[in-house]
Amino acid sequence: MKMGWERYIGDQGEFIGMSSFGASAPADVAFKNFGITVENIVAAARRVLA
């Protein structure tokens, strides 16, 4: 959940993670559904560092 991370992420950062409660699935399915993938993390890091 993003709650509380805003203070560390700041205005220029990006959050990658779950934004709701109650989801249930095998980890690989849930991660993909919420965009928690290597590709998305690398893309977010590149945007933040650009």
PDB file of N, CA and C in Angstrom:
ATOM      1  N   MET A   1       0.825  -1.176   0.000  1.00  0.00           N
ATOM      2  CA  MET A   1       0.000   0.000   0.000  1.00  0.00           C
ATOM      3  C   MET A   1       0.873   1.244   0.000  1.00  0.00           C
ATOM      4  N   LYS A   2       0.397   2.234  -0.636  1.00  0.00           N
ATOM      5  CA  LYS A   2       1.118   3.494  -0.746  1.00  0.00           C
ATOM      6  C   LYS A   2       1.065   4.309   0.542  1.00  0.00           C
ATOM      7  N   MET A   3       0.089   4.023   1.378  1.00  0.00           N
ATOM      8  CA  MET A   3      -0.122   4.820   2.583  1.00  0.00           C
ATOM      9  C   MET A   3       1.170   4.971   3.380  1.00  0.00           C
ATOM     10  N   GLY A   4       1.573   6.218   3.569  1.00  0.00           N
ATOM     11  CA  GLY A   4       2.759   6.507   4.349  1.00  0.00           C
ATOM     12  C   GLY A   4       4.041   6.629   3.552  1.00  0.00           C
ATOM     13  N   TRP A   5       4.090   6.046   2.364  1.00  0.00           N
ATOM     14  CA  TRP A   5       5.306   6.092   1.555  1.00  0.00           C
ATOM     15  C   TRP A   5       5.499   7.430   0.859  1.00  0.00           C
ATOM     16  N   GLU A   6       4.442   8.241   0.779  1.00  0.00           N
ATOM     17  CA  GLU A   6       4.547   9.517   0.086  1.00  0.00           C
ATOM     18  C   GLU A   6       5.685  10.366   0.641  1.00  0.00           C
ATOM     19  N   ARG A   7       5.885  10.325   1.939  1.00  0.00           N
ATOM     20  CA  ARG A   7       6.933  11.141   2.566  1.00  0.00           C
ATOM     21  C   ARG A   7       8.328  10.715   2.122  1.00  0.00           C
ATOM     22  N   TYR A   8       8.498   9.485   1.740  1.00  0.00           N
ATOM     23  CA  TYR A   8       9.799   9.005   1.254  1.00  0.00           C
ATOM     24  C   TYR A   8       9.911   9.121  -0.263  1.00  0.00           C
ATOM     25  N   ILE A   9       8.807   8.905  -0.947  1.00  0.00           N
ATOM     26  CA  ILE A   9       8.801   8.960  -2.409  1.00  0.00           C
ATOM     27  C   ILE A   9       8.953  10.394  -2.891  1.00  0.00           C
ATOM     28  N   GLY A  10       8.275  11.322  -2.223  1.00  0.00           N
ATOM     29  CA  GLY A  10       8.325  12.722  -2.621  1.00  0.00           C
ATOM     30  C   GLY A  10       7.495  12.990  -3.862  1.00  0.00           C
ATOM     31  N   ASP A  11       7.544  14.237  -4.329  1.00  0.00           N
ATOM     32  CA  ASP A  11       6.756  14.648  -5.484  1.00  0.00           C
ATOM     33  C   ASP A  11       7.274  14.071  -6.794  1.00  0.00           C
ATOM     34  N   GLN A  12       8.542  13.753  -6.857  1.00  0.00           N
ATOM     35  CA  GLN A  12       9.144  13.292  -8.106  1.00  0.00           C
ATOM     36  C   GLN A  12       9.270  11.771  -8.193  1.00  0.00           C
ATOM     37  N   GLY A  13       8.987  11.080  -7.110  1.00  0.00           N
ATOM     38  CA  GLY A  13       9.131   9.631  -7.092  1.00  0.00           C
ATOM     39  C   GLY A  13       7.914   8.913  -7.648  1.00  0.00           C
ATOM     40  N   GLU A  14       8.034   7.612  -7.752  1.00  0.00           N
ATOM     41  CA  GLU A  14       6.939   6.776  -8.251  1.00  0.00           C
ATOM     42  C   GLU A  14       6.721   5.612  -7.301  1.00  0.00           C
ATOM     43  N   PHE A  15       5.483   5.226  -7.173  1.00  0.00           N
ATOM     44  CA  PHE A  15       5.107   4.088  -6.339  1.00  0.00           C
ATOM     45  C   PHE A  15       4.745   2.901  -7.231  1.00  0.00           C
ATOM     46  N   ILE A  16       5.301   1.765  -6.917  1.00  0.00           N
ATOM     47  CA  ILE A  16       4.940   0.524  -7.602  1.00  0.00           C
ATOM     48  C   ILE A  16       4.548  -0.465  -6.512  1.00  0.00           C
ATOM     49  N   GLY A  17       3.298  -0.851  -6.510  1.00  0.00           N
ATOM     50  CA  GLY A  17       2.829  -1.776  -5.492  1.00  0.00           C
ATOM     51  C   GLY A  17       1.325  -1.867  -5.500  1.00  0.00           C
ATOM     52  N   MET A  18       0.795  -2.561  -4.520  1.00  0.00           N
ATOM     53  CA  MET A  18      -0.649  -2.721  -4.403  1.00  0.00           C
ATOM     54  C   MET A  18      -1.273  -1.430  -3.912  1.00  0.00           C
ATOM     55  N   SER A  19      -2.439  -1.126  -4.436  1.00  0.00           N
ATOM     56  CA  SER A  19      -3.148   0.079  -4.009  1.00  0.00           C
ATOM     57  C   SER A  19      -4.529  -0.257  -3.450  1.00  0.00           C
ATOM     58  N   SER A  20      -4.735  -1.513  -3.115  1.00  0.00           N
ATOM     59  CA  SER A  20      -6.010  -1.930  -2.542  1.00  0.00           C
ATOM     60  C   SER A  20      -5.796  -3.162  -1.658  1.00  0.00           C
ATOM     61  N   PHE A  21      -6.811  -3.502  -0.907  1.00  0.00           N
ATOM     62  CA  PHE A  21      -6.774  -4.680  -0.044  1.00  0.00           C
ATOM     63  C   PHE A  21      -7.636  -5.786  -0.641  1.00  0.00           C
ATOM     64  N   GLY A  22      -7.378  -7.007  -0.236  1.00  0.00           N
ATOM     65  CA  GLY A  22      -8.273  -8.101  -0.534  1.00  0.00           C
ATOM     66  C   GLY A  22      -7.933  -8.940  -1.750  1.00  0.00           C
ATOM     67  N   ALA A  23      -6.898  -8.587  -2.484  1.00  0.00           N
ATOM     68  CA  ALA A  23      -6.547  -9.383  -3.665  1.00  0.00           C
ATOM     69  C   ALA A  23      -5.909 -10.691  -3.218  1.00  0.00           C
ATOM     70  N   SER A  24      -6.243 -11.748  -3.918  1.00  0.00           N
ATOM     71  CA  SER A  24      -5.677 -13.045  -3.600  1.00  0.00           C
ATOM     72  C   SER A  24      -5.400 -13.805  -4.888  1.00  0.00           C
ATOM     73  N   ALA A  25      -4.158 -14.218  -5.034  1.00  0.00           N
ATOM     74  CA  ALA A  25      -3.745 -14.989  -6.208  1.00  0.00           C
ATOM     75  C   ALA A  25      -2.325 -15.467  -5.953  1.00  0.00           C
ATOM     76  N   PRO A  26      -1.840 -16.411  -6.747  1.00  0.00           N
ATOM     77  CA  PRO A  26      -0.423 -16.764  -6.650  1.00  0.00           C
ATOM     78  C   PRO A  26       0.424 -15.511  -6.881  1.00  0.00           C
ATOM     79  N   ALA A  27       1.570 -15.452  -6.250  1.00  0.00           N
ATOM     80  CA  ALA A  27       2.405 -14.246  -6.287  1.00  0.00           C
ATOM     81  C   ALA A  27       2.661 -13.746  -7.703  1.00  0.00           C
ATOM     82  N   ASP A  28       3.020 -14.624  -8.628  1.00  0.00           N
ATOM     83  CA  ASP A  28       3.341 -14.156  -9.977  1.00  0.00           C
ATOM     84  C   ASP A  28       2.135 -13.519 -10.660  1.00  0.00           C
ATOM     85  N   VAL A  29       0.957 -14.033 -10.397  1.00  0.00           N
ATOM     86  CA  VAL A  29      -0.261 -13.475 -10.985  1.00  0.00           C
ATOM     87  C   VAL A  29      -0.595 -12.134 -10.326  1.00  0.00           C
ATOM     88  N   ALA A  30      -0.543 -12.086  -9.008  1.00  0.00           N
ATOM     89  CA  ALA A  30      -0.855 -10.849  -8.289  1.00  0.00           C
ATOM     90  C   ALA A  30       0.134  -9.746  -8.647  1.00  0.00           C
ATOM     91  N   PHE A  31       1.428 -10.052  -8.664  1.00  0.00           N
ATOM     92  CA  PHE A  31       2.435  -9.042  -8.993  1.00  0.00           C
ATOM     93  C   PHE A  31       2.194  -8.467 -10.379  1.00  0.00           C
ATOM     94  N   LYS A  32       1.933  -9.332 -11.347  1.00  0.00           N
ATOM     95  CA  LYS A  32       1.683  -8.853 -12.705  1.00  0.00           C
ATOM     96  C   LYS A  32       0.427  -7.992 -12.748  1.00  0.00           C
ATOM     97  N   ASN A  33      -0.614  -8.402 -12.049  1.00  0.00           N
ATOM     98  CA  ASN A  33      -1.865  -7.647 -12.010  1.00  0.00           C
ATOM     99  C   ASN A  33      -1.661  -6.237 -11.450  1.00  0.00           C
ATOM    100  N   PHE A  34      -0.803  -6.095 -10.461  1.00  0.00           N
ATOM    101  CA  PHE A  34      -0.560  -4.799  -9.833  1.00  0.00           C
ATOM    102  C   PHE A  34       0.619  -4.051 -10.463  1.00  0.00           C
ATOM    103  N   GLY A  35       1.182  -4.597 -11.512  1.00  0.00           N
ATOM    104  CA  GLY A  35       2.271  -3.909 -12.202  1.00  0.00           C
ATOM    105  C   GLY A  35       3.609  -4.009 -11.503  1.00  0.00           C
ATOM    106  N   ILE A  36       3.742  -4.963 -10.613  1.00  0.00           N
ATOM    107  CA  ILE A  36       5.001  -5.154  -9.884  1.00  0.00           C
ATOM    108  C   ILE A  36       5.861  -6.121 -10.699  1.00  0.00           C
ATOM    109  N   THR A  37       6.458  -5.591 -11.747  1.00  0.00           N
ATOM    110  CA  THR A  37       7.282  -6.395 -12.645  1.00  0.00           C
ATOM    111  C   THR A  37       8.646  -5.728 -12.798  1.00  0.00           C
ATOM    112  N   VAL A  38       9.618  -6.507 -13.192  1.00  0.00           N
ATOM    113  CA  VAL A  38      10.961  -5.962 -13.425  1.00  0.00           C
ATOM    114  C   VAL A  38      10.888  -4.841 -14.450  1.00  0.00           C
ATOM    115  N   GLU A  39      10.138  -5.052 -15.507  1.00  0.00           N
ATOM    116  CA  GLU A  39      10.043  -4.045 -16.574  1.00  0.00           C
ATOM    117  C   GLU A  39       9.475  -2.728 -16.046  1.00  0.00           C
ATOM    118  N   ASN A  40       8.420  -2.789 -15.240  1.00  0.00           N
ATOM    119  CA  ASN A  40       7.821  -1.571 -14.696  1.00  0.00           C
ATOM    120  C   ASN A  40       8.729  -0.885 -13.693  1.00  0.00           C
ATOM    121  N   ILE A  41       9.443  -1.660 -12.901  1.00  0.00           N
ATOM    122  CA  ILE A  41      10.359  -1.079 -11.922  1.00  0.00           C
ATOM    123  C   ILE A  41      11.525  -0.384 -12.622  1.00  0.00           C
ATOM    124  N   VAL A  42      12.090  -1.016 -13.628  1.00  0.00           N
ATOM    125  CA  VAL A  42      13.185  -0.409 -14.389  1.00  0.00           C
ATOM    126  C   VAL A  42      12.699   0.856 -15.091  1.00  0.00           C
ATOM    127  N   ALA A  43      11.518   0.801 -15.703  1.00  0.00           N
ATOM    128  CA  ALA A  43      10.983   1.979 -16.399  1.00  0.00           C
ATOM    129  C   ALA A  43      10.753   3.123 -15.420  1.00  0.00           C
ATOM    130  N   ALA A  44      10.215   2.830 -14.247  1.00  0.00           N
ATOM    131  CA  ALA A  44       9.976   3.874 -13.223  1.00  0.00           C
ATOM    132  C   ALA A  44      11.295   4.467 -12.757  1.00  0.00           C
ATOM    133  N   ALA A  45      12.291   3.622 -12.525  1.00  0.00           N
ATOM    134  CA  ALA A  45      13.600   4.114 -12.094  1.00  0.00           C
ATOM    135  C   ALA A  45      14.213   5.025 -13.154  1.00  0.00           C
ATOM    136  N   ARG A  46      14.087   4.661 -14.395  1.00  0.00           N
ATOM    137  CA  ARG A  46      14.624   5.505 -15.482  1.00  0.00           C
ATOM    138  C   ARG A  46      13.915   6.845 -15.541  1.00  0.00           C
ATOM    139  N   ARG A  47      12.584   6.834 -15.359  1.00  0.00           N
ATOM    140  CA  ARG A  47      11.840   8.105 -15.358  1.00  0.00           C
ATOM    141  C   ARG A  47      12.265   8.999 -14.202  1.00  0.00           C
ATOM    142  N   VAL A  48      12.422   8.410 -13.027  1.00  0.00           N
ATOM    143  CA  VAL A  48      12.791   9.189 -11.841  1.00  0.00           C
ATOM    144  C   VAL A  48      14.206   9.752 -11.991  1.00  0.00           C
ATOM    145  N   LEU A  49      15.096   8.979 -12.565  1.00  0.00           N
ATOM    146  CA  LEU A  49      16.492   9.398 -12.680  1.00  0.00           C
ATOM    147  C   LEU A  49      16.760  10.304 -13.882  1.00  0.00           C
ATOM    148  N   ALA A  50      15.788  10.409 -14.791  1.00  0.00           N
ATOM    149  CA  ALA A  50      15.984  11.221 -15.994  1.00  0.00           C
ATOM    150  C   ALA A  50      15.998  12.705 -15.669  1.00  0.00           C
TER     151      ALA A  50
END
